[in-house]
Amino acid sequence: MIVTEANALLAPIHDRMPVILAPEDYGNWLASGDGSASKAALLALLKPADTRCWEAYPISRALNSSANDSPELLEPIATGAP
């Protein structure tokens, strides 16, 4: 896994995040295997993901245990704030 600095949405939670390529960048990344992509072009892809299609909300801490396996773990939980 390749990580980069967190985007604005995730920065309050953690300082890093996985690199997530936009679909339009798949070809450039795959071109790295045959040497046709420049190092600069590849490094330009290693940036925080765009937040426009993202949503963040608190979920149960029970997700931290592999003993728990339920789709409900991904449901938003109340934060106690009105």
Protein backbone atom coordinates (compact mmCIF):
# COMPACT_ATOMS: atom_id res chain seq x y z
CA MET A 1 0.00 0.00 0.00
CA ILE A 2 1.23 3.45 -0.88
CA VAL A 3 0.25 6.28 1.46
CA THR A 4 0.26 10.04 1.18
CA GLU A 5 -0.70 12.95 3.38
CA ALA A 6 -4.36 13.00 4.41
CA ASN A 7 -6.87 15.06 2.45
CA ALA A 8 -8.87 17.80 4.22
CA LEU A 9 -11.65 15.40 5.18
CA LEU A 10 -9.40 12.81 6.80
CA ALA A 11 -6.76 15.11 8.30
CA PRO A 12 -8.71 15.57 11.57
CA ILE A 13 -8.69 11.76 11.97
CA HIS A 14 -5.18 10.82 10.80
CA ASP A 15 -2.20 12.43 9.07
CA ARG A 16 -1.93 9.80 6.30
CA MET A 17 -4.23 7.99 3.91
CA PRO A 18 -3.86 5.44 1.10
CA VAL A 19 -3.24 6.80 -2.38
CA ILE A 20 -6.50 6.39 -4.29
CA LEU A 21 -6.19 6.84 -8.03
CA ALA A 22 -8.93 8.53 -10.01
CA PRO A 23 -10.23 6.36 -12.88
CA GLU A 24 -8.71 8.74 -15.41
CA ASP A 25 -5.27 8.02 -13.90
CA TYR A 26 -5.42 4.21 -14.15
CA GLY A 27 -3.74 4.15 -17.56
CA ASN A 28 -0.85 6.34 -16.42
CA TRP A 29 -0.27 4.13 -13.38
CA LEU A 30 -0.41 0.93 -15.42
CA ALA A 31 2.02 2.43 -17.94
CA SER A 32 4.63 2.42 -15.18
CA GLY A 33 4.97 -1.34 -15.69
CA ASP A 34 6.30 -0.98 -19.21
CA GLY A 35 8.49 2.04 -18.52
CA SER A 36 6.51 4.41 -20.75
CA ALA A 37 5.46 6.71 -17.89
CA SER A 38 7.94 9.22 -16.56
CA LYS A 39 8.93 9.25 -12.91
CA ALA A 40 7.52 12.78 -12.59
CA ALA A 41 4.17 11.69 -14.07
CA LEU A 42 3.92 8.81 -11.59
CA LEU A 43 4.91 10.94 -8.60
CA ALA A 44 2.19 13.42 -9.56
CA LEU A 45 -0.39 10.66 -8.99
CA LEU A 46 0.70 10.16 -5.37
CA LYS A 47 -1.48 12.88 -3.91
CA PRO A 48 -4.40 13.01 -1.47
CA ALA A 49 -7.71 11.93 -3.00
CA ASP A 50 -10.28 14.54 -4.01
CA THR A 51 -12.89 14.91 -1.24
CA ARG A 52 -15.86 15.88 -3.42
CA CYS A 53 -17.29 12.34 -3.46
CA TRP A 54 -16.46 11.51 0.16
CA GLU A 55 -18.46 11.48 3.35
CA ALA A 56 -17.16 11.03 6.89
CA TYR A 57 -19.15 9.99 9.94
CA PRO A 58 -18.42 8.20 13.22
CA ILE A 59 -18.95 4.43 13.38
CA SER A 60 -18.79 1.88 16.18
CA ARG A 61 -15.42 1.17 17.77
CA ALA A 62 -16.49 -2.48 17.69
CA LEU A 63 -15.13 -2.45 14.13
CA ASN A 64 -11.61 -2.45 15.62
CA SER A 65 -11.95 -6.13 16.57
CA SER A 66 -11.80 -8.85 13.92
CA ALA A 67 -14.17 -10.86 16.16
CA ASN A 68 -16.95 -8.50 15.07
CA ASP A 69 -18.26 -8.96 11.53
CA SER A 70 -21.53 -7.27 10.74
CA PRO A 71 -22.67 -4.72 8.15
CA GLU A 72 -24.22 -2.71 10.99
CA LEU A 73 -20.71 -1.81 12.17
CA LEU A 74 -20.50 0.64 9.26
CA GLU A 75 -23.71 2.46 10.18
CA PRO A 76 -23.34 5.99 11.56
CA ILE A 77 -23.55 6.30 15.33
CA ALA A 78 -24.75 9.21 17.43
CA THR A 79 -21.91 11.42 18.65
CA GLY A 80 -23.74 12.83 21.62
CA ALA A 81 -23.94 16.30 20.10
CA PRO A 82 -27.45 17.69 19.53
